[in-house]
């Protein structure tokens, strides 16, 4: 029994000793900042909430961005949306509703598309400001929407897409 206890104790002392010796030989200084910065969940949610709040209160922001972009740029960016939405006049609904004439139309108002309960109950008109807020993060703008798109973070991209959608209408809204 003494031999077994001595063997285990000797093995532990040997491992700890080897560990200490290798630390001395191969000393590595730890960097002050981690190479992989991971934001905490609270910081991410507070940042996105601030973005959403600022987009709700700063309605003139999107109007100012219209001057710096074009509907042609919006057509390029809209390709991300084209997998789920049609923007052609008389276009069919896909996974998402057809977006011909969406700017200036009431949310959830296409009769032959099955909207989520949240979108059907929203009842607001898709103005430039409403669409801007929605495109930032759809699931936060209309809680309970079934639109799975993460959103367009770049304000200039959102402005371009909104210009493009406004242009694809029988009655485009004036840009003033």
N, C-alpha and C. Protein backbone atom coordinates (compact mmCIF):
# COMPACT_ATOMS: atom_id res chain seq x y z
N UNK A 1 0.82 -1.19 0.00
CA UNK A 1 0.00 0.00 0.00
C UNK A 1 0.87 1.26 0.00
N UNK A 2 1.98 1.25 0.74
CA UNK A 2 2.87 2.41 0.79
C UNK A 2 3.50 2.69 -0.57
N UNK A 3 3.81 1.63 -1.31
CA UNK A 3 4.41 1.81 -2.63
C UNK A 3 3.44 2.50 -3.59
N UNK A 4 2.13 2.17 -3.51
CA UNK A 4 1.11 2.77 -4.39
C UNK A 4 0.96 4.26 -4.07
N UNK A 5 0.85 4.59 -2.80
CA UNK A 5 0.69 5.99 -2.38
C UNK A 5 1.93 6.79 -2.78
N UNK A 6 3.14 6.19 -2.55
CA UNK A 6 4.38 6.88 -2.94
C UNK A 6 4.43 7.08 -4.45
N UNK A 7 4.00 6.13 -5.24
CA UNK A 7 4.02 6.23 -6.70
C UNK A 7 3.08 7.35 -7.17
N UNK A 8 1.88 7.41 -6.60
CA UNK A 8 0.93 8.47 -6.98
C UNK A 8 1.48 9.84 -6.59
N UNK A 9 2.02 9.95 -5.39
CA UNK A 9 2.59 11.22 -4.92
C UNK A 9 3.78 11.63 -5.77
N UNK A 10 4.62 10.69 -6.14
CA UNK A 10 5.79 10.98 -6.98
C UNK A 10 5.35 11.44 -8.36
N UNK A 11 4.30 10.82 -8.91
CA UNK A 11 3.79 11.20 -10.23
C UNK A 11 3.24 12.63 -10.20
N UNK A 12 2.50 12.99 -9.16
CA UNK A 12 1.95 14.35 -9.03
C UNK A 12 3.08 15.36 -8.90
N UNK A 13 4.08 15.08 -8.05
CA UNK A 13 5.21 15.99 -7.88
C UNK A 13 5.99 16.13 -9.18
N UNK A 14 6.16 15.05 -9.90
CA UNK A 14 6.87 15.08 -11.17
C UNK A 14 6.12 15.94 -12.19
N UNK A 15 4.80 15.77 -12.31
CA UNK A 15 4.00 16.56 -13.25
C UNK A 15 4.03 18.05 -12.90
N UNK A 16 3.88 18.37 -11.63
CA UNK A 16 3.93 19.78 -11.21
C UNK A 16 5.32 20.35 -11.46
N UNK A 17 6.34 19.57 -11.19
CA UNK A 17 7.72 20.03 -11.42
C UNK A 17 7.98 20.27 -12.90
N UNK A 18 7.55 19.35 -13.76
CA UNK A 18 7.74 19.52 -15.20
C UNK A 18 6.99 20.77 -15.67
N UNK A 19 5.78 20.99 -15.17
CA UNK A 19 4.98 22.16 -15.53
C UNK A 19 5.71 23.45 -15.17
N UNK A 20 6.29 23.50 -13.97
CA UNK A 20 7.01 24.70 -13.53
C UNK A 20 8.26 24.94 -14.36
N UNK A 21 9.00 23.87 -14.65
CA UNK A 21 10.23 23.98 -15.44
C UNK A 21 9.90 24.47 -16.85
N UNK A 22 8.85 23.93 -17.48
CA UNK A 22 8.49 24.37 -18.83
C UNK A 22 8.00 25.81 -18.84
N UNK A 23 7.33 26.25 -17.77
CA UNK A 23 6.92 27.65 -17.68
C UNK A 23 8.12 28.59 -17.65
N UNK A 24 9.18 28.17 -16.97
CA UNK A 24 10.40 28.98 -16.91
C UNK A 24 11.11 28.99 -18.26
N UNK A 25 11.21 27.84 -18.90
CA UNK A 25 11.92 27.74 -20.18
C UNK A 25 11.14 28.44 -21.29
N UNK A 26 9.85 28.19 -21.37
CA UNK A 26 9.02 28.73 -22.45
C UNK A 26 8.07 29.80 -21.90
N UNK A 27 8.60 30.83 -21.34
CA UNK A 27 7.77 31.89 -20.76
C UNK A 27 7.10 32.71 -21.88
N UNK A 28 5.79 32.80 -21.82
CA UNK A 28 5.02 33.56 -22.80
C UNK A 28 4.26 34.65 -22.06
N UNK A 29 4.47 35.90 -22.50
CA UNK A 29 3.74 37.00 -21.88
C UNK A 29 2.36 37.09 -22.49
N UNK A 30 1.38 37.23 -21.65
CA UNK A 30 0.00 37.33 -22.13
C UNK A 30 -0.24 38.75 -22.63
N UNK A 31 -0.95 38.90 -23.75
CA UNK A 31 -1.23 40.24 -24.25
C UNK A 31 -2.19 40.98 -23.32
N UNK A 32 -2.12 42.31 -23.36
CA UNK A 32 -3.01 43.11 -22.52
C UNK A 32 -4.46 42.99 -22.98
N UNK A 33 -4.65 42.98 -24.32
CA UNK A 33 -6.00 42.83 -24.86
C UNK A 33 -6.10 41.49 -25.57
N UNK A 34 -7.25 40.88 -25.45
CA UNK A 34 -7.50 39.61 -26.13
C UNK A 34 -7.56 39.83 -27.63
N UNK A 35 -7.05 38.87 -28.38
CA UNK A 35 -7.07 38.96 -29.84
C UNK A 35 -8.49 38.82 -30.37
N UNK A 36 -9.34 38.11 -29.66
CA UNK A 36 -10.73 37.92 -30.06
C UNK A 36 -11.62 38.69 -29.11
N UNK A 37 -12.12 39.82 -29.58
CA UNK A 37 -13.00 40.65 -28.77
C UNK A 37 -14.43 40.15 -28.93
N UNK A 38 -15.06 39.77 -27.85
CA UNK A 38 -16.43 39.30 -27.87
C UNK A 38 -17.26 40.28 -27.05
N UNK A 39 -18.25 40.90 -27.74
CA UNK A 39 -19.12 41.82 -27.03
C UNK A 39 -20.08 41.01 -26.18
N UNK A 40 -20.40 41.57 -25.06
CA UNK A 40 -21.37 40.88 -24.21
C UNK A 40 -22.75 41.04 -24.82
N UNK A 41 -23.65 40.14 -24.50
CA UNK A 41 -25.00 40.17 -25.03
C UNK A 41 -25.71 41.45 -24.62
N UNK A 42 -25.46 41.93 -23.41
CA UNK A 42 -26.09 43.16 -22.94
C UNK A 42 -25.63 44.36 -23.77
N UNK A 43 -24.34 44.40 -24.11
CA UNK A 43 -23.81 45.51 -24.90
C UNK A 43 -24.40 45.50 -26.30
N UNK A 44 -24.54 44.31 -26.89
CA UNK A 44 -25.10 44.20 -28.23
C UNK A 44 -26.56 44.64 -28.22
N UNK A 45 -27.34 44.16 -27.25
CA UNK A 45 -28.75 44.51 -27.23
C UNK A 45 -28.97 45.99 -26.93
N UNK A 46 -28.13 46.59 -26.07
CA UNK A 46 -28.30 48.02 -25.80
C UNK A 46 -27.90 48.85 -27.00
N UNK A 47 -26.88 48.41 -27.75
CA UNK A 47 -26.47 49.12 -28.95
C UNK A 47 -27.56 49.06 -30.00
N UNK A 48 -28.14 47.88 -30.22
CA UNK A 48 -29.19 47.77 -31.23
C UNK A 48 -30.43 48.53 -30.80
N UNK A 49 -30.72 48.57 -29.50
CA UNK A 49 -31.86 49.33 -29.02
C UNK A 49 -31.64 50.82 -29.25
N UNK A 50 -30.40 51.29 -29.03
CA UNK A 50 -30.10 52.70 -29.29
C UNK A 50 -30.24 53.01 -30.76
N UNK A 51 -29.78 52.09 -31.65
CA UNK A 51 -29.92 52.32 -33.08
C UNK A 51 -31.38 52.41 -33.46
N UNK A 52 -32.21 51.51 -32.91
CA UNK A 52 -33.62 51.51 -33.22
C UNK A 52 -34.27 52.78 -32.71
N UNK A 53 -33.93 53.20 -31.47
CA UNK A 53 -34.50 54.42 -30.92
C UNK A 53 -34.09 55.63 -31.73
N UNK A 54 -32.82 55.69 -32.14
CA UNK A 54 -32.36 56.85 -32.89
C UNK A 54 -33.02 56.89 -34.25
N UNK A 55 -33.30 55.73 -34.85
CA UNK A 55 -33.96 55.74 -36.16
C UNK A 55 -35.42 56.14 -36.02
N UNK A 56 -36.03 55.85 -34.87
CA UNK A 56 -37.41 56.27 -34.66
C UNK A 56 -37.50 57.78 -34.48
N UNK A 57 -36.54 58.36 -33.77
CA UNK A 57 -36.61 59.78 -33.47
C UNK A 57 -36.00 60.64 -34.56
N UNK A 58 -35.04 60.12 -35.31
CA UNK A 58 -34.33 60.91 -36.31
C UNK A 58 -34.90 60.60 -37.70
N UNK A 59 -36.14 61.04 -37.95
CA UNK A 59 -36.80 60.72 -39.20
C UNK A 59 -36.20 61.46 -40.39
N UNK A 60 -35.54 62.57 -40.18
CA UNK A 60 -34.93 63.31 -41.27
C UNK A 60 -33.66 62.67 -41.79
N UNK A 61 -33.10 61.74 -41.03
CA UNK A 61 -31.84 61.09 -41.42
C UNK A 61 -31.96 60.41 -42.78
N UNK A 62 -33.02 59.66 -42.98
CA UNK A 62 -33.17 58.91 -44.23
C UNK A 62 -33.40 59.87 -45.40
N UNK A 63 -34.10 60.94 -45.15
CA UNK A 63 -34.37 61.92 -46.21
C UNK A 63 -33.06 62.57 -46.68
N UNK A 64 -32.16 62.84 -45.75
CA UNK A 64 -30.88 63.45 -46.10
C UNK A 64 -30.01 62.48 -46.91
N UNK A 65 -30.14 61.19 -46.64
CA UNK A 65 -29.33 60.19 -47.33
C UNK A 65 -29.79 59.95 -48.78
N UNK A 66 -31.01 60.32 -49.10
CA UNK A 66 -31.49 60.13 -50.47
C UNK A 66 -30.62 60.87 -51.47
N UNK A 67 -30.08 62.01 -51.08
CA UNK A 67 -29.24 62.79 -51.99
C UNK A 67 -27.91 62.09 -52.30
N UNK A 68 -27.46 61.23 -51.41
CA UNK A 68 -26.15 60.60 -51.58
C UNK A 68 -26.20 59.22 -52.23
N UNK A 69 -27.40 58.79 -52.66
CA UNK A 69 -27.52 57.46 -53.27
C UNK A 69 -28.53 57.52 -54.41
N UNK A 70 -28.81 56.37 -55.00
CA UNK A 70 -29.73 56.35 -56.14
C UNK A 70 -30.56 55.07 -56.13
N UNK A 71 -31.61 55.08 -56.92
CA UNK A 71 -32.45 53.89 -57.06
C UNK A 71 -31.68 52.78 -57.77
N UNK A 72 -30.73 53.15 -58.65
CA UNK A 72 -29.91 52.15 -59.33
C UNK A 72 -29.06 51.38 -58.31
N UNK A 73 -28.51 52.09 -57.32
CA UNK A 73 -27.78 51.42 -56.23
C UNK A 73 -28.73 50.51 -55.46
N UNK A 74 -29.94 51.02 -55.23
CA UNK A 74 -30.94 50.23 -54.52
C UNK A 74 -31.30 48.94 -55.24
N UNK A 75 -31.32 48.99 -56.58
CA UNK A 75 -31.61 47.79 -57.37
C UNK A 75 -30.55 46.71 -57.13
N UNK A 76 -29.30 47.13 -57.00
CA UNK A 76 -28.22 46.18 -56.73
C UNK A 76 -28.38 45.56 -55.35
N UNK A 77 -28.67 46.41 -54.37
CA UNK A 77 -28.80 45.94 -52.99
C UNK A 77 -30.06 45.10 -52.82
N UNK A 78 -31.09 45.43 -53.59
CA UNK A 78 -32.37 44.71 -53.49
C UNK A 78 -32.23 43.25 -53.89
N UNK A 79 -31.16 42.88 -54.57
CA UNK A 79 -30.95 41.49 -54.96
C UNK A 79 -30.97 40.57 -53.74
N UNK A 80 -30.58 41.11 -52.57
CA UNK A 80 -30.66 40.34 -51.32
C UNK A 80 -32.11 40.02 -50.98
N UNK A 81 -33.00 40.93 -51.36
CA UNK A 81 -34.43 40.81 -51.03
C UNK A 81 -35.18 39.98 -52.06
N UNK A 82 -34.63 39.90 -53.28
CA UNK A 82 -35.33 39.28 -54.40
C UNK A 82 -35.57 37.78 -54.21
N UNK A 83 -34.85 37.15 -53.33
CA UNK A 83 -35.08 35.73 -53.07
C UNK A 83 -36.46 35.50 -52.45
N UNK A 84 -36.94 36.50 -51.70
CA UNK A 84 -38.22 36.35 -51.00
C UNK A 84 -39.31 37.31 -51.50
N UNK A 85 -38.93 38.39 -52.18
CA UNK A 85 -39.90 39.41 -52.60
C UNK A 85 -39.78 39.70 -54.08
N UNK A 86 -40.92 39.96 -54.70
CA UNK A 86 -40.97 40.44 -56.07
C UNK A 86 -41.27 41.93 -56.02
N UNK A 87 -40.64 42.70 -56.90
CA UNK A 87 -40.88 44.14 -56.94
C UNK A 87 -41.48 44.56 -58.28
N UNK A 88 -41.74 43.59 -59.16
CA UNK A 88 -42.30 43.88 -60.47
C UNK A 88 -43.79 44.17 -60.36
N UNK A 89 -44.27 45.03 -61.25
CA UNK A 89 -45.70 45.33 -61.27
C UNK A 89 -46.46 44.06 -61.61
N UNK A 90 -47.43 43.72 -60.79
CA UNK A 90 -48.18 42.49 -60.98
C UNK A 90 -47.42 41.25 -60.57
N UNK A 91 -46.26 41.43 -59.94
CA UNK A 91 -45.44 40.30 -59.51
C UNK A 91 -46.15 39.48 -58.45
N UNK A 92 -45.87 38.19 -58.45
CA UNK A 92 -46.51 37.28 -57.51
C UNK A 92 -45.82 37.35 -56.15
N UNK A 93 -46.57 36.98 -55.14
CA UNK A 93 -46.00 36.84 -53.81
C UNK A 93 -45.07 35.63 -53.82
N UNK A 94 -44.00 35.74 -53.08
CA UNK A 94 -43.08 34.61 -52.91
C UNK A 94 -43.16 34.21 -51.45
N UNK A 95 -42.03 33.95 -50.83
CA UNK A 95 -41.99 33.69 -49.39
C UNK A 95 -42.52 34.92 -48.67
N UNK A 96 -42.16 36.10 -49.18
CA UNK A 96 -42.66 37.37 -48.67
C UNK A 96 -43.62 37.98 -49.68
N UNK A 97 -44.34 39.02 -49.27
CA UNK A 97 -45.31 39.64 -50.18
C UNK A 97 -44.64 40.40 -51.32
N UNK A 98 -45.38 40.60 -52.41
CA UNK A 98 -44.89 41.41 -53.52
C UNK A 98 -44.76 42.85 -53.03
N UNK A 99 -43.71 43.54 -53.44
CA UNK A 99 -43.43 44.88 -52.93
C UNK A 99 -43.69 45.99 -53.94
N UNK A 100 -44.38 45.70 -55.05
CA UNK A 100 -44.72 46.75 -55.99
C UNK A 100 -45.64 47.74 -55.27
N UNK A 101 -45.26 49.00 -55.23
CA UNK A 101 -46.08 50.04 -54.61
C UNK A 101 -46.15 49.97 -53.10
N UNK A 102 -45.14 49.37 -52.46
CA UNK A 102 -45.19 49.20 -51.00
C UNK A 102 -45.06 50.54 -50.26
N UNK A 103 -44.23 51.46 -50.78
CA UNK A 103 -44.08 52.76 -50.10
C UNK A 103 -45.37 53.55 -50.32
N UNK A 104 -46.00 53.92 -49.22
CA UNK A 104 -47.27 54.62 -49.27
C UNK A 104 -48.47 53.70 -49.05
N UNK A 105 -48.21 52.40 -48.95
CA UNK A 105 -49.27 51.41 -48.74
C UNK A 105 -49.35 51.04 -47.26
N UNK A 106 -50.51 50.61 -46.82
CA UNK A 106 -50.67 50.17 -45.43
C UNK A 106 -49.98 48.83 -45.23
N UNK A 107 -49.31 48.67 -44.10
CA UNK A 107 -48.62 47.42 -43.77
C UNK A 107 -49.63 46.28 -43.66
N UNK A 108 -49.27 45.14 -44.20
CA UNK A 108 -50.12 43.95 -44.09
C UNK A 108 -51.41 44.03 -44.88
N UNK A 109 -51.40 44.73 -46.02
CA UNK A 109 -52.66 44.98 -46.71
C UNK A 109 -52.86 44.22 -48.02
N UNK A 110 -51.92 43.39 -48.45
CA UNK A 110 -52.14 42.60 -49.66
C UNK A 110 -53.08 41.45 -49.30
N UNK A 111 -54.20 41.37 -50.01
CA UNK A 111 -55.24 40.42 -49.62
C UNK A 111 -54.86 38.96 -49.86
N UNK A 112 -54.04 38.67 -50.86
CA UNK A 112 -53.73 37.27 -51.16
C UNK A 112 -52.41 36.80 -50.55
N UNK A 113 -51.95 37.47 -49.50
CA UNK A 113 -50.74 37.04 -48.79
C UNK A 113 -51.08 36.83 -47.32
N UNK A 114 -50.59 35.74 -46.74
CA UNK A 114 -50.86 35.45 -45.33
C UNK A 114 -49.75 36.06 -44.46
N UNK A 115 -50.04 37.23 -43.90
CA UNK A 115 -49.10 37.93 -43.04
C UNK A 115 -49.12 37.33 -41.64
N UNK A 116 -48.06 37.62 -40.87
CA UNK A 116 -48.05 37.26 -39.46
C UNK A 116 -49.10 38.10 -38.74
N UNK A 117 -49.52 37.65 -37.57
CA UNK A 117 -50.51 38.42 -36.80
C UNK A 117 -49.97 39.81 -36.47
N UNK A 118 -48.67 39.88 -36.16
CA UNK A 118 -48.06 41.16 -35.81
C UNK A 118 -48.11 42.14 -36.97
N UNK A 119 -47.80 41.67 -38.18
CA UNK A 119 -47.81 42.55 -39.36
C UNK A 119 -49.24 42.94 -39.71
N UNK A 120 -50.18 42.03 -39.61
CA UNK A 120 -51.58 42.34 -39.90
C UNK A 120 -52.12 43.39 -38.94
N UNK A 121 -51.68 43.34 -37.70
CA UNK A 121 -52.15 44.28 -36.68
C UNK A 121 -51.41 45.62 -36.72
N UNK A 122 -50.31 45.70 -37.43
CA UNK A 122 -49.47 46.91 -37.43
C UNK A 122 -50.20 48.12 -38.00
N UNK A 123 -50.86 47.99 -39.12
CA UNK A 123 -51.76 48.98 -39.71
C UNK A 123 -51.16 50.35 -40.02
N UNK A 124 -49.86 50.53 -39.96
CA UNK A 124 -49.26 51.82 -40.29
C UNK A 124 -48.99 51.88 -41.79
N UNK A 125 -48.85 53.08 -42.31
CA UNK A 125 -48.52 53.29 -43.71
C UNK A 125 -47.00 53.20 -43.85
N UNK A 126 -46.53 52.53 -44.90
CA UNK A 126 -45.10 52.41 -45.14
C UNK A 126 -44.56 53.73 -45.70
N UNK A 127 -44.18 54.62 -44.80
CA UNK A 127 -43.52 55.87 -45.18
C UNK A 127 -42.03 55.60 -45.30
N UNK A 128 -41.27 56.60 -45.71
CA UNK A 128 -39.82 56.44 -45.79
C UNK A 128 -39.25 56.11 -44.42
N UNK A 129 -39.73 56.81 -43.40
CA UNK A 129 -39.21 56.62 -42.04
C UNK A 129 -39.57 55.24 -41.49
N UNK A 130 -40.83 54.81 -41.72
CA UNK A 130 -41.26 53.49 -41.26
C UNK A 130 -40.43 52.39 -41.92
N UNK A 131 -40.24 52.51 -43.23
CA UNK A 131 -39.48 51.49 -43.95
C UNK A 131 -38.02 51.48 -43.49
N UNK A 132 -37.47 52.67 -43.24
CA UNK A 132 -36.10 52.75 -42.74
C UNK A 132 -35.97 52.02 -41.41
N UNK A 133 -36.85 52.29 -40.49
CA UNK A 133 -36.81 51.61 -39.20
C UNK A 133 -36.98 50.11 -39.31
N UNK A 134 -37.88 49.70 -40.18
CA UNK A 134 -38.14 48.27 -40.37
C UNK A 134 -36.93 47.57 -40.96
N UNK A 135 -36.27 48.21 -41.92
CA UNK A 135 -35.14 47.57 -42.59
C UNK A 135 -33.89 47.48 -41.72
N UNK A 136 -33.82 48.28 -40.66
CA UNK A 136 -32.68 48.17 -39.74
C UNK A 136 -32.68 46.79 -39.09
N UNK A 137 -33.79 46.42 -38.52
CA UNK A 137 -33.94 45.12 -37.86
C UNK A 137 -35.43 44.79 -37.79
N UNK A 138 -35.96 44.09 -38.80
CA UNK A 138 -37.40 43.86 -38.88
C UNK A 138 -38.02 43.25 -37.63
N UNK A 139 -37.38 42.27 -37.04
CA UNK A 139 -37.97 41.60 -35.88
C UNK A 139 -38.07 42.49 -34.65
N UNK A 140 -37.24 43.52 -34.57
CA UNK A 140 -37.33 44.47 -33.45
C UNK A 140 -38.33 45.59 -33.75
N UNK A 141 -38.44 45.99 -35.02
CA UNK A 141 -39.35 47.08 -35.38
C UNK A 141 -40.80 46.62 -35.23
N UNK A 142 -41.09 45.42 -35.72
CA UNK A 142 -42.43 44.84 -35.57
C UNK A 142 -42.24 43.49 -34.88
N UNK A 143 -42.37 43.52 -33.57
CA UNK A 143 -42.15 42.33 -32.76
C UNK A 143 -43.18 41.27 -33.14
N UNK A 144 -42.70 40.11 -33.60
CA UNK A 144 -43.59 39.02 -33.97
C UNK A 144 -43.73 38.84 -35.47
N UNK A 145 -43.05 39.69 -36.26
CA UNK A 145 -43.11 39.51 -37.71
C UNK A 145 -42.41 38.21 -38.09
N UNK A 146 -42.87 37.60 -39.19
CA UNK A 146 -42.22 36.35 -39.60
C UNK A 146 -41.08 36.59 -40.58
N UNK A 147 -40.77 37.84 -40.87
CA UNK A 147 -39.65 38.15 -41.76
C UNK A 147 -38.35 37.81 -41.04
N UNK A 148 -37.58 36.90 -41.61
CA UNK A 148 -36.38 36.39 -40.94
C UNK A 148 -35.12 37.17 -41.31
N UNK A 149 -35.22 38.15 -42.18
CA UNK A 149 -34.05 38.93 -42.61
C UNK A 149 -33.44 39.67 -41.43
N UNK A 150 -32.11 39.64 -41.32
CA UNK A 150 -31.42 40.27 -40.19
C UNK A 150 -31.48 41.79 -40.25
N UNK A 151 -31.57 42.35 -41.43
CA UNK A 151 -31.65 43.80 -41.56
C UNK A 151 -30.48 44.38 -42.33
N UNK A 152 -30.62 45.62 -42.72
CA UNK A 152 -29.55 46.36 -43.40
C UNK A 152 -28.99 47.37 -42.42
N UNK A 153 -27.78 47.18 -41.98
CA UNK A 153 -27.17 48.06 -40.98
C UNK A 153 -26.70 49.38 -41.59
N UNK A 154 -26.29 49.36 -42.85
CA UNK A 154 -25.76 50.56 -43.49
C UNK A 154 -26.91 51.47 -43.90
N UNK A 155 -26.94 52.69 -43.37
CA UNK A 155 -28.02 53.64 -43.62
C UNK A 155 -28.10 54.02 -45.10
N UNK A 156 -26.97 54.14 -45.76
CA UNK A 156 -26.97 54.50 -47.18
C UNK A 156 -27.58 53.37 -48.01
N UNK A 157 -27.32 52.12 -47.65
CA UNK A 157 -27.92 50.98 -48.33
C UNK A 157 -29.44 50.98 -48.15
N UNK A 158 -29.89 51.27 -46.92
CA UNK A 158 -31.33 51.33 -46.66
C UNK A 158 -31.97 52.43 -47.50
N UNK A 159 -31.32 53.60 -47.57
CA UNK A 159 -31.86 54.71 -48.35
C UNK A 159 -31.96 54.32 -49.82
N UNK A 160 -30.95 53.64 -50.34
CA UNK A 160 -30.96 53.23 -51.74
C UNK A 160 -32.10 52.24 -52.02
N UNK A 161 -32.29 51.28 -51.13
CA UNK A 161 -33.37 50.30 -51.31
C UNK A 161 -34.73 50.98 -51.23
N UNK A 162 -34.88 51.92 -50.32
CA UNK A 162 -36.15 52.64 -50.19
C UNK A 162 -36.43 53.46 -51.45
N UNK A 163 -35.41 54.11 -51.99
CA UNK A 163 -35.58 54.84 -53.25
C UNK A 163 -36.01 53.89 -54.37
N UNK A 164 -35.38 52.74 -54.43
CA UNK A 164 -35.71 51.75 -55.45
C UNK A 164 -37.16 51.27 -55.29
N UNK A 165 -37.56 50.97 -54.07
CA UNK A 165 -38.94 50.51 -53.84
C UNK A 165 -39.94 51.62 -54.14
N UNK A 166 -39.59 52.86 -53.81
CA UNK A 166 -40.48 53.99 -54.09
C UNK A 166 -40.65 54.17 -55.60
N UNK A 167 -39.58 53.96 -56.35
CA UNK A 167 -39.61 54.10 -57.80
C UNK A 167 -40.48 53.02 -58.44
N UNK A 168 -40.56 51.85 -57.80
CA UNK A 168 -41.36 50.74 -58.32
C UNK A 168 -42.78 50.82 -57.78
N UNK A 169 -43.50 51.79 -58.31
CA UNK A 169 -44.85 52.07 -57.86
C UNK A 169 -45.59 52.85 -58.93
N UNK A 170 -46.90 52.74 -58.93
CA UNK A 170 -47.71 53.58 -59.82
C UNK A 170 -47.75 55.01 -59.33
N UNK A 171 -47.64 55.18 -58.01
CA UNK A 171 -47.69 56.51 -57.40
C UNK A 171 -46.52 56.69 -56.42
N UNK A 172 -45.30 56.93 -56.91
CA UNK A 172 -44.18 57.13 -55.99
C UNK A 172 -44.39 58.37 -55.12
N UNK A 173 -43.96 58.27 -53.86
CA UNK A 173 -44.07 59.40 -52.96
C UNK A 173 -43.03 60.46 -53.31
N UNK A 174 -43.35 61.75 -53.15
CA UNK A 174 -42.35 62.80 -53.42
C UNK A 174 -41.22 62.73 -52.40
N UNK A 175 -40.03 63.10 -52.83
CA UNK A 175 -38.85 63.00 -51.97
C UNK A 175 -38.58 64.26 -51.17
N UNK A 176 -39.50 65.15 -51.03
CA UNK A 176 -39.24 66.40 -50.28
C UNK A 176 -39.74 66.34 -48.88
